[in-house]
Amino acid sequence: MRVLVVEDFEVLARSVGTGLRREGMAVDVVLDGTAALERLAVTRYDVVVLDRDLPGVHGDEICRRLARGRCETRVLMLTASDTVADRVDGLGLGADDYLPKPFAFAELVARVRALARRAVPPLPPTLACGDIALDPARRAASRAGRRLELSPKEFALLECLLAAPGLVISAEELLERVWDEAADPFSSAVKHTVHRLRAKLGDPPVIETVREGGYRIGPA
């Protein structure tokens, strides 16, 4: 899952970014509306966590532009105001959800995951292929009833593959969806993570390497 955090209070922005990464998400962080529009122009995000009162381009305008473009990116709007009128106003701009500050981080995570599940086409709450099952909300994965102890990157990579069973996903797309802007596009991070994930999934192998294509998952 790729998330953009747009928040001008740097301490909060970095804290949210770090916390979401620990939940296995690929997260980019920007501190103003102008930088947010630049990122949105070149990167496809599943969810934007958007502060309303931003310097540069206001959060309301960013929300309007996403809505006008019929973008599949979901918007979770943050604001220091908790009045009903402000919530209605924010949703009327095109936001998909609204969370007043201060907020509990667990609630933020739950709302981000809920919005990501509303992507087109919608994904089921639990992903499965053969005897492999993955529950993103509970951060749990298993094979044949055996719980898998996966790192955040391994979990996120498996989630990407299970979201498109039988389809080939390129290493470049996996790097974009599982890592973030700090990832080196020439690194072998995807290859090494797939290797570790295969070892943890065990036999029979289910992740196939497609030459000059990428990777896909399917029943053995």
Protein backbone atom coordinates (compact mmCIF):
# COMPACT_ATOMS: atom_id res chain seq x y z
CA MET A 1 0.00 0.00 0.00
CA ARG A 2 1.40 3.42 -0.97
CA VAL A 3 0.45 6.37 1.25
CA LEU A 4 1.21 10.08 0.99
CA VAL A 5 1.21 12.04 4.27
CA VAL A 6 0.71 15.80 3.79
CA GLU A 7 1.12 17.67 7.07
CA ASP A 8 2.91 20.97 7.75
CA PHE A 9 3.72 20.19 11.41
CA GLU A 10 6.95 18.31 10.74
CA VAL A 11 7.12 16.41 14.02
CA LEU A 12 3.62 15.00 13.51
CA ALA A 13 4.24 14.31 9.82
CA ARG A 14 7.42 12.33 10.49
CA SER A 15 5.81 10.49 13.39
CA VAL A 16 2.82 9.42 11.28
CA GLY A 17 5.10 8.38 8.45
CA THR A 18 7.27 6.27 10.73
CA GLY A 19 4.25 4.64 12.36
CA LEU A 20 2.61 3.75 9.04
CA ARG A 21 5.87 2.25 7.77
CA ARG A 22 5.95 0.03 10.84
CA GLU A 23 2.49 -1.15 9.75
CA GLY A 24 4.02 -2.32 6.46
CA MET A 25 2.99 0.62 4.28
CA ALA A 26 5.17 2.49 1.78
CA VAL A 27 4.96 6.12 2.90
CA ASP A 28 6.10 9.44 1.43
CA VAL A 29 5.91 12.59 3.57
CA VAL A 30 5.63 16.21 2.40
CA LEU A 31 5.13 19.38 4.41
CA ASP A 32 3.13 21.66 2.09
CA GLY A 33 0.44 21.57 -0.56
CA THR A 34 2.69 22.46 -3.48
CA ALA A 35 4.97 19.50 -2.82
CA ALA A 36 1.90 17.27 -2.44
CA LEU A 37 0.62 18.15 -5.92
CA GLU A 38 4.07 17.48 -7.38
CA ARG A 39 4.10 13.99 -5.84
CA LEU A 40 0.53 13.24 -6.89
CA ALA A 41 1.39 14.14 -10.47
CA VAL A 42 4.01 11.39 -10.76
CA THR A 43 3.07 8.70 -8.21
CA ARG A 44 -0.11 6.66 -7.76
CA TYR A 45 -1.09 6.58 -4.09
CA ASP A 46 -3.74 4.39 -2.51
CA VAL A 47 -4.44 6.88 0.27
CA VAL A 48 -3.52 10.51 0.98
CA VAL A 49 -3.52 11.56 4.63
CA LEU A 50 -4.19 15.26 4.06
CA ASP A 51 -4.00 18.09 6.58
CA ARG A 52 -6.56 20.74 5.72
CA ASP A 53 -4.69 23.90 6.69
CA LEU A 54 -1.54 23.70 4.56
CA PRO A 55 0.92 26.34 3.39
CA GLY A 56 1.31 26.77 -0.35
CA VAL A 57 -1.72 25.06 -1.86
CA HIS A 58 -4.51 24.64 0.71
CA GLY A 59 -5.66 21.13 1.54
CA ASP A 60 -9.17 21.98 0.32
CA GLU A 61 -7.82 22.74 -3.16
CA ILE A 62 -5.83 19.50 -3.28
CA CYS A 63 -8.98 17.60 -2.35
CA ARG A 64 -10.99 19.40 -5.05
CA ARG A 65 -8.41 18.58 -7.72
CA LEU A 66 -8.35 14.90 -6.81
CA ALA A 67 -12.15 14.78 -6.90
CA ARG A 68 -12.33 16.58 -10.26
CA GLY A 69 -9.81 14.18 -11.74
CA ARG A 70 -11.91 11.19 -10.64
CA CYS A 71 -8.74 9.86 -9.07
CA GLU A 72 -8.85 6.43 -7.43
CA THR A 73 -6.69 7.76 -4.59
CA ARG A 74 -8.66 7.95 -1.34
CA VAL A 75 -8.38 11.03 0.88
CA LEU A 76 -8.36 11.02 4.68
CA MET A 77 -8.61 14.67 5.70
CA LEU A 78 -7.10 15.84 8.99
CA THR A 79 -8.05 19.04 10.77
CA ALA A 80 -7.78 20.67 14.16
CA SER A 81 -11.48 21.53 14.01
CA ASP A 82 -14.06 19.00 15.17
CA THR A 83 -17.31 20.78 14.40
CA VAL A 84 -20.04 19.05 12.42
CA ALA A 85 -20.01 21.89 9.89
CA ASP A 86 -16.30 21.41 9.21
CA ARG A 87 -16.70 17.65 8.81
CA VAL A 88 -19.58 18.13 6.38
CA ASP A 89 -17.59 20.76 4.49
CA GLY A 90 -14.55 18.50 4.20
CA LEU A 91 -16.56 15.56 2.93
CA GLY A 92 -18.34 17.85 0.51
CA LEU A 93 -14.99 18.78 -1.03
CA GLY A 94 -14.49 15.15 -2.02
CA ALA A 95 -12.69 13.70 1.00
CA ASP A 96 -13.47 10.04 1.66
CA ASP A 97 -13.04 10.27 5.42
CA TYR A 98 -12.39 12.90 8.06
CA LEU A 99 -10.35 12.65 11.26
CA PRO A 100 -10.07 15.50 13.79
CA LYS A 101 -6.87 16.22 15.71
CA PRO A 102 -5.74 15.02 18.13
CA PHE A 103 -6.35 11.42 17.09
CA ALA A 104 -5.37 7.96 18.27
CA PHE A 105 -2.78 6.45 15.94
CA ALA A 106 -4.57 3.08 15.95
CA GLU A 107 -7.69 4.80 14.61
CA LEU A 108 -5.67 6.51 11.88
CA VAL A 109 -4.23 3.15 10.78
CA ALA A 110 -7.68 1.53 10.77
CA ARG A 111 -9.14 4.36 8.67
CA VAL A 112 -6.24 4.27 6.18
CA ARG A 113 -6.66 0.51 5.73
CA ALA A 114 -10.42 0.86 5.35
CA LEU A 115 -9.96 3.48 2.63
CA ALA A 116 -7.41 1.33 0.81
CA ARG A 117 -9.93 -1.52 0.70
CA ARG A 118 -12.27 0.81 -1.18
CA ALA A 119 -9.90 0.91 -4.13
CA VAL A 120 -11.21 -0.03 -7.58
CA PRO A 121 -11.76 -2.94 -7.85
CA PRO A 122 -12.47 -3.47 -4.14
CA LEU A 123 -10.39 -6.07 -2.33
CA PRO A 124 -11.84 -8.56 0.15
CA PRO A 125 -10.92 -8.05 3.81
CA THR A 126 -8.92 -11.31 3.74
CA LEU A 127 -6.71 -12.25 0.78
CA ALA A 128 -6.15 -15.91 -0.04
CA CYS A 129 -4.56 -18.12 -2.66
CA GLY A 130 -4.51 -21.88 -2.19
CA ASP A 131 -3.64 -22.56 1.44
CA ILE A 132 -2.16 -19.09 2.00
CA ALA A 133 -4.28 -16.49 3.80
CA LEU A 134 -3.50 -12.90 4.72
CA ASP A 135 -5.52 -10.48 6.86
CA PRO A 136 -4.16 -6.93 6.35
CA ALA A 137 -6.17 -5.42 9.22
CA ARG A 138 -4.85 -7.90 11.76
CA ARG A 139 -1.36 -8.04 10.24
CA ALA A 140 -1.63 -11.82 10.14
CA ALA A 141 -0.60 -14.31 7.48
CA SER A 142 -0.69 -18.09 7.49
CA ARG A 143 -0.12 -21.13 5.32
CA ALA A 144 -2.10 -24.31 5.89
CA GLY A 145 -3.05 -22.91 9.29
CA ARG A 146 0.58 -22.23 10.25
CA ARG A 147 1.20 -18.60 11.23
CA LEU A 148 3.90 -16.90 9.20
CA GLU A 149 6.33 -14.59 10.98
CA LEU A 150 6.95 -11.97 8.30
CA SER A 151 8.83 -8.68 8.32
CA PRO A 152 6.83 -5.58 7.30
CA LYS A 153 8.31 -5.66 3.78
CA GLU A 154 7.71 -9.39 3.38
CA PHE A 155 4.12 -8.95 4.54
CA ALA A 156 3.52 -6.01 2.19
CA LEU A 157 5.05 -7.86 -0.76
CA LEU A 158 2.90 -10.92 -0.12
CA GLU A 159 -0.15 -8.65 0.15
CA CYS A 160 0.61 -7.13 -3.28
CA LEU A 161 0.96 -10.54 -4.90
CA LEU A 162 -2.19 -11.93 -3.27
CA ALA A 163 -4.17 -8.89 -4.39
CA ALA A 164 -3.56 -9.99 -8.00
CA PRO A 165 -3.33 -13.81 -7.98
CA GLY A 166 -2.12 -15.28 -11.24
CA LEU A 167 -1.02 -11.91 -12.61
CA VAL A 168 2.60 -10.97 -13.21
CA ILE A 169 3.75 -7.98 -11.17
CA SER A 170 7.01 -6.38 -12.21
CA ALA A 171 9.84 -5.78 -9.79
CA GLU A 172 9.51 -2.06 -10.56
CA GLU A 173 5.85 -2.03 -9.52
CA LEU A 174 6.59 -3.99 -6.35
CA LEU A 175 9.35 -1.52 -5.51
CA GLU A 176 6.90 1.36 -5.96
CA ARG A 177 4.06 -0.25 -3.98
CA VAL A 178 6.04 -1.77 -1.09
CA TRP A 179 8.95 0.62 -0.64
CA ASP A 180 8.92 4.42 -0.86
CA GLU A 181 10.74 7.31 -2.51
CA ALA A 182 13.95 6.54 -0.62
CA ALA A 183 14.25 3.14 -2.35
CA ASP A 184 17.07 2.76 -4.86
CA PRO A 185 15.47 1.73 -8.19
CA PHE A 186 18.65 -0.18 -9.06
CA SER A 187 18.77 -2.14 -5.83
CA SER A 188 18.06 -5.84 -5.46
CA ALA A 189 15.69 -5.25 -2.53
CA VAL A 190 12.74 -6.91 -4.27
CA LYS A 191 14.75 -9.98 -5.27
CA HIS A 192 16.15 -10.47 -1.77
CA THR A 193 12.76 -9.93 -0.11
CA VAL A 194 11.11 -12.45 -2.45
CA HIS A 195 13.88 -14.94 -1.61
CA ARG A 196 13.25 -14.57 2.13
CA LEU A 197 9.48 -14.73 1.66
CA ARG A 198 9.75 -17.96 -0.34
CA ALA A 199 11.80 -19.52 2.43
CA LYS A 200 9.20 -18.60 5.04
CA LEU A 201 6.28 -19.82 2.89
CA GLY A 202 7.95 -23.21 2.51
CA ASP A 203 7.04 -25.99 0.11
CA PRO A 204 5.49 -26.44 -2.33
CA PRO A 205 6.67 -23.10 -3.80
CA VAL A 206 3.92 -20.70 -4.89
CA ILE A 207 5.78 -17.56 -5.99
CA GLU A 208 6.96 -17.87 -9.56
CA THR A 209 9.64 -15.74 -11.18
CA VAL A 210 8.63 -14.80 -14.71
CA ARG A 211 11.69 -14.05 -16.81
CA GLU A 212 11.82 -10.41 -17.89
CA GLY A 213 8.36 -10.00 -16.38
CA GLY A 214 8.39 -10.08 -12.60
CA TYR A 215 6.64 -12.32 -10.08
CA ARG A 216 3.27 -13.95 -9.64
CA ILE A 217 1.60 -16.11 -7.05
CA GLY A 218 -0.71 -19.02 -7.63
CA PRO A 219 -1.55 -22.43 -6.25
CA ALA A 220 1.18 -25.00 -6.71
